[in-house]
Amino acid sequence: MGVQFEDGVWFQITDEEEGQTPGVIIYEIFGFEGTILPYSLTIIDTPGYGSTRGIKHDDIVIDRLHKLFKSENGVDELHAVGLVMKATDNRLSDRLMYIFDSVMSLFGNDMENNIAALITHSNGRTPKNARQALVAADVRCAKDENSQPVYFLFNNHQKEDQTNDVEYFRGADKLSERGMRGFTAFVDNISPQKLKITTEVMNERIRLTACIQNLLERIKLIEEKQTEIKQINEGLKMHEAEMKVNNEGTIHVDETYVDRERVKGGKKWLIFFEGVVTCQVCKENCHYPGCTKTWLPEFCEVMRGGRCTVCSNKCPASVHVKNKWKYVKKTRSVEKTIQQVKIDCQNKSKFENQTGLLKNLEKDIEQLSKDESNLVDEAYQHVVRLEQIALKVDSVSINVHLDFLIEKIKEKGDTMKVEKLEELKKKIGEGTKAAQRYKCF
């Protein structure tokens, strides 16, 4: 912008003040045709990402980036993504790897050539350690003619007392100016990327997580239903003689039922409504925890083509609601007469004896098992799609689901899908493992 060393002025990215709402800060710098800066710049900053405030803070940042990329008045293309690190870093810390892993897992694979390293605290020499750390961590970014990560050097000392050793500070200023000119040339020459694939990546990750959550709830329901049927079976055997005569006798059963339970939520930061998207037909949670994208369920990420991608019947968005409660499966101990047990199954099919009654109950289990199997397949397809479009599929956000999916697909006996997921798990490198360690810590 034409600012010289002698001017003693500079722009400064502000730190978040204590108590300020965490999120994304956007800076607009307006240029003028015919001047040193002939175009305007939009700088998106994520202050405090990966800080000691914890993962929940980071989830808010990611959620706001998602909104920014999908909003009609938001950002629809990016020229560059800068990964900031120090020249003295001879290895990426678990925290920095967590940050880079999170960033790369957000973007589509078309963003790779738009990502560059911004290396601070530089003395002007080739940052061999930092460059080697990027290679060792398999950070996917733009490469130079030698297939090395593209980087730009900076050494900012504006706030320090420059009374003594002016030449040192002048040299640092020239170094940063070269870095800035190189980076702006990089931004100016590279093709900007539309964020269509990136937003699809974000949506697929949300759908995968929602799918896994729903799957866990269904597995619990199946187990409880199996217990209920076992109790009914044992009870009917005890009263088999009475059944043949007059249907008398009482059975003690742990009955499964659906209830509603309030969750934390409501209007957050005057921007969005945090709640749970549920299906009123299937009585299931379709996006939980914490759907934050919209006030209306039809615009939730788990909806596609006007229908839900998660609930059992893939119901229309119109039968879904978003509230501050979720469905929970509970059990209660009840006493049922033989006649009541029969009435419970009366609308399913006719039966003449204990065997026929249990057959009807077991059909419920079969249907639940089919639903579970279908959901496992859907979760697998989300992973496959992410592998096709994500800049980094072997990230922490996927790794947390792989062992569970492998186990469930093994139960189905689908060896090809198991091999595919195990192959993906083998690709997980030290970078992702370091990020996982930081996130768990």
Protein backbone atom coordinates (compact mmCIF):
# COMPACT_ATOMS: atom_id res chain seq x y z
CA MET A 1 0.00 0.00 0.00
CA GLY A 2 3.06 2.22 -0.22
CA VAL A 3 3.92 2.37 3.49
CA GLN A 4 7.66 2.90 3.95
CA PHE A 5 9.96 1.98 6.84
CA GLU A 6 10.41 5.65 7.72
CA ASP A 7 6.65 6.21 8.09
CA GLY A 8 6.52 4.27 11.34
CA VAL A 9 2.94 3.13 10.77
CA TRP A 10 1.48 -0.30 10.08
CA PHE A 11 -1.66 -2.36 10.08
CA GLN A 12 -2.09 -4.80 12.91
CA ILE A 13 -4.32 -7.85 13.15
CA THR A 14 -6.08 -7.45 16.50
CA ASP A 15 -6.07 -10.10 19.19
CA GLU A 16 -9.38 -11.12 20.68
CA GLU A 17 -10.21 -9.37 23.90
CA GLU A 18 -11.10 -11.47 26.91
CA GLY A 19 -14.81 -12.19 26.94
CA GLN A 20 -15.21 -11.42 23.23
CA THR A 21 -17.30 -13.88 21.21
CA PRO A 22 -14.91 -16.33 19.52
CA GLY A 23 -15.13 -16.69 15.78
CA VAL A 24 -13.87 -15.38 12.49
CA ILE A 25 -12.66 -11.81 11.91
CA ILE A 26 -12.81 -10.36 8.40
CA TYR A 27 -10.66 -7.41 7.34
CA GLU A 28 -11.41 -5.42 4.18
CA ILE A 29 -8.55 -3.43 2.62
CA PHE A 30 -9.68 -1.26 -0.28
CA GLY A 31 -7.34 -0.58 -3.16
CA PHE A 32 -7.54 1.98 -5.96
CA GLU A 33 -6.84 1.52 -9.64
CA GLY A 34 -3.52 3.02 -10.72
CA THR A 35 -2.02 2.89 -7.22
CA ILE A 36 0.43 0.44 -5.61
CA LEU A 37 -2.53 -1.69 -4.50
CA PRO A 38 -4.81 -1.78 -7.57
CA TYR A 39 -7.27 -4.25 -6.04
CA SER A 40 -9.11 -4.78 -2.79
CA LEU A 41 -8.24 -7.53 -0.31
CA THR A 42 -10.40 -9.57 2.03
CA ILE A 43 -8.42 -11.17 4.85
CA ILE A 44 -10.15 -13.87 6.90
CA ASP A 45 -8.50 -14.41 10.27
CA THR A 46 -9.21 -17.16 12.82
CA PRO A 47 -7.69 -15.80 16.03
CA GLY A 48 -6.98 -18.24 18.81
CA TYR A 49 -7.68 -21.37 16.78
CA GLY A 50 -6.07 -24.33 18.54
CA SER A 51 -5.65 -22.32 21.76
CA THR A 52 -6.07 -23.56 25.31
CA ARG A 53 -9.74 -22.60 25.18
CA GLY A 54 -10.41 -26.06 23.82
CA ILE A 55 -12.03 -27.93 20.96
CA LYS A 56 -15.47 -26.36 21.46
CA HIS A 57 -14.00 -22.97 20.62
CA ASP A 58 -12.49 -24.43 17.44
CA ASP A 59 -15.81 -26.01 16.48
CA ILE A 60 -17.38 -22.54 16.63
CA VAL A 61 -14.67 -21.17 14.32
CA ILE A 62 -15.20 -23.99 11.80
CA ASP A 63 -18.95 -23.51 11.97
CA ARG A 64 -18.60 -19.81 11.21
CA LEU A 65 -16.26 -20.47 8.30
CA HIS A 66 -18.86 -22.89 6.97
CA LYS A 67 -21.54 -20.21 7.20
CA LEU A 68 -19.26 -17.65 5.58
CA PHE A 69 -18.56 -19.96 2.64
CA LYS A 70 -22.21 -20.92 2.14
CA SER A 71 -23.89 -17.59 2.80
CA GLU A 72 -25.40 -15.78 -0.16
CA ASN A 73 -23.55 -12.62 0.87
CA GLY A 74 -20.45 -14.44 2.10
CA VAL A 75 -17.27 -15.60 0.38
CA ASP A 76 -17.71 -17.75 -2.73
CA GLU A 77 -14.05 -18.08 -3.78
CA LEU A 78 -10.57 -17.99 -2.26
CA HIS A 79 -7.27 -16.99 -3.84
CA ALA A 80 -5.02 -18.31 -1.10
CA VAL A 81 -4.80 -19.95 2.30
CA GLY A 82 -1.82 -19.07 4.47
CA LEU A 83 -0.42 -21.55 6.98
CA VAL A 84 1.53 -19.51 9.55
CA MET A 85 4.57 -21.05 11.23
CA LYS A 86 7.93 -19.98 12.65
CA ALA A 87 11.22 -20.35 10.80
CA THR A 88 12.64 -21.97 13.93
CA ASP A 89 10.12 -24.83 13.86
CA ASN A 90 12.18 -27.95 13.11
CA ARG A 91 9.10 -30.08 13.62
CA LEU A 92 5.42 -29.28 13.79
CA SER A 93 4.09 -29.42 17.33
CA ASP A 94 1.00 -31.49 18.07
CA ARG A 95 -0.94 -28.22 18.36
CA LEU A 96 0.26 -26.90 14.97
CA MET A 97 -0.40 -30.26 13.33
CA TYR A 98 -3.90 -30.21 14.78
CA ILE A 99 -4.45 -26.75 13.26
CA PHE A 100 -3.08 -27.73 9.84
CA ASP A 101 -5.00 -31.03 9.90
CA SER A 102 -8.22 -29.16 10.69
CA VAL A 103 -7.63 -26.59 7.96
CA MET A 104 -6.78 -29.14 5.28
CA SER A 105 -9.73 -31.36 6.22
CA LEU A 106 -12.10 -28.44 5.58
CA PHE A 107 -11.14 -27.78 1.98
CA GLY A 108 -11.78 -29.53 -1.30
CA ASN A 109 -8.86 -31.11 -3.17
CA ASP A 110 -8.96 -28.27 -5.72
CA MET A 111 -7.45 -25.91 -3.10
CA GLU A 112 -4.03 -27.60 -2.85
CA ASN A 113 -2.19 -25.22 -5.20
CA ASN A 114 -3.66 -22.20 -3.40
CA ILE A 115 -2.12 -23.05 -0.01
CA ALA A 116 1.25 -21.57 0.97
CA ALA A 117 3.37 -21.34 4.12
CA LEU A 118 3.86 -17.90 5.71
CA ILE A 119 7.04 -18.24 7.75
CA THR A 120 7.64 -15.68 10.50
CA HIS A 121 10.65 -14.89 12.74
CA SER A 122 12.89 -15.36 9.72
CA ASN A 123 16.52 -14.18 9.42
CA GLY A 124 16.33 -14.33 5.63
CA ARG A 125 18.03 -17.70 5.18
CA THR A 126 16.35 -20.72 3.61
CA PRO A 127 14.06 -22.16 6.33
CA LYS A 128 15.26 -25.74 5.92
CA ASN A 129 13.85 -26.97 9.22
CA ALA A 130 10.41 -25.49 8.68
CA ARG A 131 10.29 -26.72 5.10
CA GLN A 132 11.32 -30.23 6.11
CA ALA A 133 8.68 -30.18 8.84
CA LEU A 134 5.98 -29.42 6.25
CA VAL A 135 7.19 -32.29 4.06
CA ALA A 136 7.44 -34.74 6.98
CA ALA A 137 3.91 -33.86 8.10
CA ASP A 138 2.62 -34.37 4.53
CA VAL A 139 1.02 -30.93 4.45
CA ARG A 140 -0.64 -30.60 1.05
CA CYS A 141 0.17 -27.19 -0.37
CA ALA A 142 1.55 -25.45 -3.47
CA LYS A 143 4.95 -26.74 -4.62
CA ASP A 144 7.79 -24.97 -6.44
CA GLU A 145 9.77 -26.25 -9.45
CA ASN A 146 11.76 -28.51 -7.10
CA SER A 147 8.58 -30.02 -5.62
CA GLN A 148 9.21 -28.19 -2.35
CA PRO A 149 6.48 -26.33 -0.40
CA VAL A 150 5.97 -22.73 -1.52
CA TYR A 151 6.77 -20.31 1.32
CA PHE A 152 7.22 -16.60 2.02
CA LEU A 153 9.43 -15.10 4.73
CA PHE A 154 8.55 -12.40 7.27
CA ASN A 155 10.23 -10.76 10.26
CA ASN A 156 8.01 -8.12 11.84
CA HIS A 157 9.47 -5.91 14.57
CA GLN A 158 7.24 -2.85 14.21
CA LYS A 159 6.30 -2.63 17.88
CA GLU A 160 9.87 -2.89 19.18
CA ASP A 161 11.99 0.12 20.14
CA GLN A 162 13.98 1.01 17.03
CA THR A 163 16.20 3.66 18.64
CA ASN A 164 19.26 1.41 18.53
CA ASP A 165 20.45 -0.85 15.73
CA VAL A 166 18.27 0.79 13.08
CA GLU A 167 19.98 -1.14 10.30
CA TYR A 168 18.83 -4.44 11.82
CA PHE A 169 15.23 -3.29 11.88
CA ARG A 170 15.56 -1.85 8.35
CA GLY A 171 16.81 -5.25 7.17
CA ALA A 172 13.89 -7.01 8.86
CA ASP A 173 11.51 -4.57 7.19
CA LYS A 174 13.01 -5.26 3.75
CA LEU A 175 12.75 -9.01 4.38
CA SER A 176 9.07 -8.68 5.25
CA GLU A 177 8.48 -6.42 2.26
CA ARG A 178 9.99 -9.04 -0.06
CA GLY A 179 7.85 -11.70 1.56
CA MET A 180 4.74 -9.57 1.16
CA ARG A 181 5.52 -8.77 -2.49
CA GLY A 182 6.15 -12.44 -3.20
CA PHE A 183 2.94 -13.50 -1.49
CA THR A 184 0.80 -10.85 -3.20
CA ALA A 185 2.32 -11.88 -6.57
CA PHE A 186 1.39 -15.48 -5.70
CA VAL A 187 -2.17 -14.37 -4.91
CA ASP A 188 -2.36 -12.23 -8.05
CA ASN A 189 -1.12 -14.95 -10.42
CA ILE A 190 -2.91 -18.02 -9.13
CA SER A 191 -6.45 -18.87 -10.19
CA PRO A 192 -9.01 -18.40 -7.39
CA GLN A 193 -10.99 -21.45 -6.42
CA LYS A 194 -14.74 -21.52 -6.09
CA LEU A 195 -15.84 -23.02 -2.80
CA LYS A 196 -18.41 -25.43 -4.18
CA ILE A 197 -16.28 -28.53 -3.49
CA THR A 198 -15.14 -27.15 -0.14
CA THR A 199 -18.71 -26.63 1.06
CA GLU A 200 -19.57 -30.13 -0.16
CA VAL A 201 -16.66 -31.49 1.91
CA MET A 202 -17.96 -29.65 4.98
CA ASN A 203 -21.48 -30.99 4.41
CA GLU A 204 -20.26 -34.57 3.90
CA ARG A 205 -18.34 -34.47 7.18
CA ILE A 206 -21.43 -33.24 9.02
CA ARG A 207 -23.59 -35.94 7.38
CA LEU A 208 -21.07 -38.64 8.28
CA THR A 209 -21.01 -37.56 11.94
CA ALA A 210 -24.84 -37.37 12.06
CA CYS A 211 -25.07 -40.77 10.38
CA ILE A 212 -22.73 -42.36 12.95
CA GLN A 213 -24.63 -40.75 15.84
CA ASN A 214 -27.95 -42.07 14.53
CA LEU A 215 -26.40 -45.48 13.98
CA LEU A 216 -25.22 -45.67 17.60
CA GLU A 217 -28.73 -44.85 18.81
CA ARG A 218 -30.26 -47.56 16.60
CA ILE A 219 -27.78 -50.18 17.77
CA LYS A 220 -28.76 -49.39 21.35
CA LEU A 221 -32.44 -49.72 20.40
CA ILE A 222 -31.84 -53.13 18.77
CA GLU A 223 -30.05 -54.40 21.86
CA GLU A 224 -32.90 -53.24 24.09
CA LYS A 225 -35.50 -54.82 21.79
CA GLN A 226 -33.59 -58.10 21.85
CA THR A 227 -33.64 -58.04 25.65
CA GLU A 228 -37.38 -57.34 25.60
CA ILE A 229 -38.07 -60.26 23.24
CA LYS A 230 -35.94 -62.59 25.36
CA GLN A 231 -37.96 -61.63 28.45
CA ILE A 232 -41.26 -62.15 26.61
CA ASN A 233 -40.06 -65.52 25.34
CA GLU A 234 -39.13 -66.68 28.83
CA GLY A 235 -42.43 -65.38 30.21
CA LEU A 236 -44.48 -67.14 27.54
CA LYS A 237 -42.71 -70.41 28.23
CA MET A 238 -43.68 -70.11 31.90
CA HIS A 239 -47.33 -69.57 30.96
CA GLU A 240 -47.56 -71.79 27.90
CA ALA A 241 -50.29 -73.94 29.47
CA GLU A 242 -52.42 -70.94 30.42
CA MET A 243 -52.10 -69.53 26.88
CA LYS A 244 -53.70 -72.61 25.40
CA VAL A 245 -56.68 -72.28 27.73
CA ASN A 246 -57.50 -68.67 28.53
CA ASN A 247 -54.49 -66.37 27.81
CA GLU A 248 -53.99 -65.72 31.50
CA GLY A 249 -50.69 -64.94 33.18
CA THR A 250 -48.43 -61.92 33.68
CA ILE A 251 -44.99 -61.24 32.21
CA HIS A 252 -42.38 -58.82 33.56
CA VAL A 253 -40.76 -56.90 30.67
CA ASP A 254 -38.17 -54.10 30.32
CA GLU A 255 -40.13 -52.19 27.69
CA THR A 256 -38.40 -49.80 25.27
CA TYR A 257 -40.06 -46.46 24.57
CA VAL A 258 -39.20 -43.07 23.06
CA ASP A 259 -39.13 -39.93 25.18
CA ARG A 260 -38.03 -36.32 24.69
CA GLU A 261 -35.25 -34.65 26.63
CA ARG A 262 -34.21 -31.01 26.69
CA VAL A 263 -30.72 -30.07 25.54
CA LYS A 264 -28.68 -26.90 25.85
CA GLY A 265 -29.33 -24.56 22.98
CA GLY A 266 -31.17 -21.50 21.84
CA LYS A 267 -30.15 -18.26 20.22
CA LYS A 268 -26.37 -17.90 20.14
CA TRP A 269 -24.40 -14.71 19.47
CA LEU A 270 -27.44 -13.15 17.74
CA ILE A 271 -26.58 -15.14 14.61
CA PHE A 272 -27.97 -18.66 14.75
CA PHE A 273 -30.17 -21.01 16.69
CA GLU A 274 -28.43 -24.03 18.20
CA GLY A 275 -30.72 -27.03 18.49
CA VAL A 276 -31.49 -30.56 17.33
CA VAL A 277 -33.07 -31.46 13.98
CA THR A 278 -35.47 -34.36 14.55
CA CYS A 279 -37.87 -36.40 12.40
CA GLN A 280 -41.42 -36.45 13.74
CA VAL A 281 -42.28 -39.56 11.70
CA CYS A 282 -39.28 -41.77 12.58
CA LYS A 283 -38.95 -40.28 16.09
CA GLU A 284 -35.19 -39.98 15.55
CA ASN A 285 -32.46 -37.38 15.94
CA CYS A 286 -31.16 -36.48 12.49
CA HIS A 287 -28.61 -33.80 13.38
CA TYR A 288 -27.36 -33.91 16.93
CA PRO A 289 -25.42 -32.56 18.68
CA GLY A 290 -25.81 -28.94 17.84
CA CYS A 291 -27.22 -28.08 14.43
CA THR A 292 -26.19 -24.44 14.14
CA LYS A 293 -26.40 -23.59 10.45
CA THR A 294 -29.97 -22.43 10.22
CA TRP A 295 -33.21 -21.69 12.02
CA LEU A 296 -35.14 -23.97 9.65
CA PRO A 297 -34.57 -27.75 9.35
CA GLU A 298 -34.96 -27.77 5.55
CA PHE A 299 -31.68 -25.84 5.29
CA CYS A 300 -29.75 -28.16 7.60
CA GLU A 301 -26.69 -29.89 6.12
CA VAL A 302 -28.21 -33.36 6.59
CA MET A 303 -30.93 -32.48 4.08
CA ARG A 304 -30.27 -33.17 0.40
CA GLY A 305 -32.76 -32.81 -2.42
CA GLY A 306 -35.52 -31.91 0.04
CA ARG A 307 -35.15 -35.15 2.05
CA CYS A 308 -33.20 -36.21 5.12
CA THR A 309 -30.07 -38.29 4.56
CA VAL A 310 -30.11 -39.72 8.09
CA CYS A 311 -33.49 -40.87 9.46
CA SER A 312 -34.76 -44.42 8.81
CA ASN A 313 -37.33 -43.52 6.15
CA LYS A 314 -35.34 -40.66 4.59
CA CYS A 315 -38.40 -38.49 5.22
CA PRO A 316 -39.10 -35.11 3.57
CA ALA A 317 -37.58 -32.07 5.25
CA SER A 318 -41.12 -30.81 5.89
CA VAL A 319 -41.76 -33.43 8.60
CA HIS A 320 -38.63 -32.41 10.52
CA VAL A 321 -38.41 -29.83 13.29
CA LYS A 322 -35.60 -28.01 15.03
CA ASN A 323 -35.97 -27.60 18.77
CA LYS A 324 -34.11 -27.55 22.06
CA TRP A 325 -34.90 -31.21 22.74
CA LYS A 326 -33.86 -34.59 21.41
CA TYR A 327 -35.41 -38.03 21.24
CA VAL A 328 -34.03 -40.54 23.74
CA LYS A 329 -34.64 -44.29 23.91
CA LYS A 330 -35.50 -45.41 27.43
CA THR A 331 -36.64 -48.59 29.15
CA ARG A 332 -39.16 -49.10 31.90
CA SER A 333 -40.08 -52.17 33.88
CA VAL A 334 -43.73 -53.09 33.25
CA GLU A 335 -46.06 -56.00 33.85
CA LYS A 336 -48.02 -57.24 30.84
CA THR A 337 -50.72 -59.85 30.64
CA ILE A 338 -50.54 -62.47 27.90
CA GLN A 339 -53.50 -60.72 26.29
CA GLN A 340 -51.69 -57.36 26.29
CA VAL A 341 -48.64 -58.90 24.63
CA LYS A 342 -50.90 -60.30 21.91
CA ILE A 343 -52.63 -56.94 21.42
CA ASP A 344 -49.24 -55.26 20.96
CA CYS A 345 -48.63 -57.49 17.95
CA GLN A 346 -52.23 -57.74 16.71
CA ASN A 347 -51.86 -55.31 13.81
CA LYS A 348 -48.76 -57.01 12.40
CA SER A 349 -50.14 -60.45 11.52
CA LYS A 350 -52.29 -63.19 12.99
CA PHE A 351 -50.81 -65.81 15.25
CA GLU A 352 -52.17 -68.86 16.95
CA ASN A 353 -49.53 -69.70 19.53
CA GLN A 354 -46.37 -68.66 21.32
CA THR A 355 -44.19 -69.37 18.26
CA GLY A 356 -46.25 -67.12 16.03
CA LEU A 357 -46.20 -64.33 18.60
CA LEU A 358 -42.43 -64.41 18.94
CA LYS A 359 -42.06 -64.54 15.18
CA ASN A 360 -43.84 -61.19 14.92
CA LEU A 361 -41.63 -59.66 17.58
CA GLU A 362 -38.50 -60.94 15.86
CA LYS A 363 -39.61 -59.29 12.63
CA ASP A 364 -39.17 -55.98 14.44
CA ILE A 365 -35.57 -56.92 15.16
CA GLU A 366 -35.00 -57.94 11.54
CA GLN A 367 -36.27 -54.60 10.28
CA LEU A 368 -34.14 -52.68 12.77
CA SER A 369 -31.12 -54.74 11.71
CA LYS A 370 -31.81 -53.92 8.05
CA ASP A 371 -32.03 -50.24 8.92
CA GLU A 372 -28.74 -50.50 10.79
CA SER A 373 -27.12 -52.24 7.83
CA ASN A 374 -28.35 -49.55 5.44
CA LEU A 375 -27.01 -46.81 7.67
CA VAL A 376 -23.60 -48.50 7.87
CA ASP A 377 -23.53 -48.52 4.06
CA GLU A 378 -24.50 -44.85 3.96
CA ALA A 379 -21.75 -43.93 6.41
CA TYR A 380 -19.29 -45.85 4.24
CA GLN A 381 -20.43 -43.92 1.14
CA HIS A 382 -19.82 -40.61 2.97
CA VAL A 383 -16.22 -41.72 3.60
CA VAL A 384 -15.79 -42.76 -0.04
CA ARG A 385 -17.14 -39.42 -1.24
CA LEU A 386 -14.78 -37.54 1.08
CA GLU A 387 -11.87 -39.52 -0.29
CA GLN A 388 -12.83 -38.30 -3.75
CA ILE A 389 -13.24 -34.59 -2.98
CA ALA A 390 -11.43 -33.68 0.28
CA LEU A 391 -7.95 -32.18 0.36
CA LYS A 392 -7.21 -34.44 3.34
CA VAL A 393 -9.44 -37.43 3.98
CA ASP A 394 -7.10 -39.16 6.47
CA SER A 395 -7.78 -36.49 9.07
CA VAL A 396 -8.76 -36.57 12.73
CA SER A 397 -12.42 -35.94 11.87
CA ILE A 398 -12.51 -39.18 9.82
CA ASN A 399 -10.12 -41.23 11.92
CA VAL A 400 -12.43 -41.09 14.96
CA HIS A 401 -15.07 -43.04 12.97
CA LEU A 402 -12.93 -45.58 11.09
CA ASP A 403 -12.53 -48.26 13.79
CA PHE A 404 -16.26 -48.24 14.50
CA LEU A 405 -17.17 -48.49 10.80
CA ILE A 406 -14.65 -51.27 10.18
CA GLU A 407 -16.13 -53.27 13.06
CA LYS A 408 -19.73 -52.85 11.82
CA ILE A 409 -18.87 -53.70 8.20
CA LYS A 410 -16.98 -56.80 9.37
CA GLU A 411 -20.21 -57.93 11.04
CA LYS A 412 -21.90 -57.60 7.64
CA GLY A 413 -19.17 -59.73 6.08
CA ASP A 414 -18.36 -57.20 3.34
CA THR A 415 -14.62 -57.85 2.96
CA MET A 416 -14.09 -55.41 0.08
CA LYS A 417 -15.39 -52.46 2.08
CA VAL A 418 -13.40 -53.55 5.12
CA GLU A 419 -10.22 -53.66 3.02
CA LYS A 420 -10.97 -50.18 1.65
CA LEU A 421 -11.36 -48.66 5.13
CA GLU A 422 -8.33 -50.50 6.53
CA GLU A 423 -6.29 -49.22 3.60
CA LEU A 424 -7.43 -45.70 4.41
CA LYS A 425 -6.50 -46.21 8.07
CA LYS A 426 -2.99 -47.28 7.04
CA LYS A 427 -2.55 -43.96 5.23
CA ILE A 428 -2.97 -42.02 8.44
CA GLY A 429 0.45 -40.51 9.06
CA GLU A 430 2.31 -38.98 11.95
CA GLY A 431 0.73 -35.61 11.28
CA THR A 432 -2.79 -36.86 11.85
CA LYS A 433 -1.67 -38.88 14.87
CA ALA A 434 -0.11 -35.75 16.36
CA ALA A 435 -3.32 -33.83 15.72
CA GLN A 436 -5.29 -36.63 17.37
CA ARG A 437 -3.03 -36.49 20.43
CA TYR A 438 -3.58 -32.74 20.76
CA LYS A 439 -7.35 -33.05 20.33
CA CYS A 440 -7.56 -35.84 22.92
CA PHE A 441 -5.40 -33.82 25.32
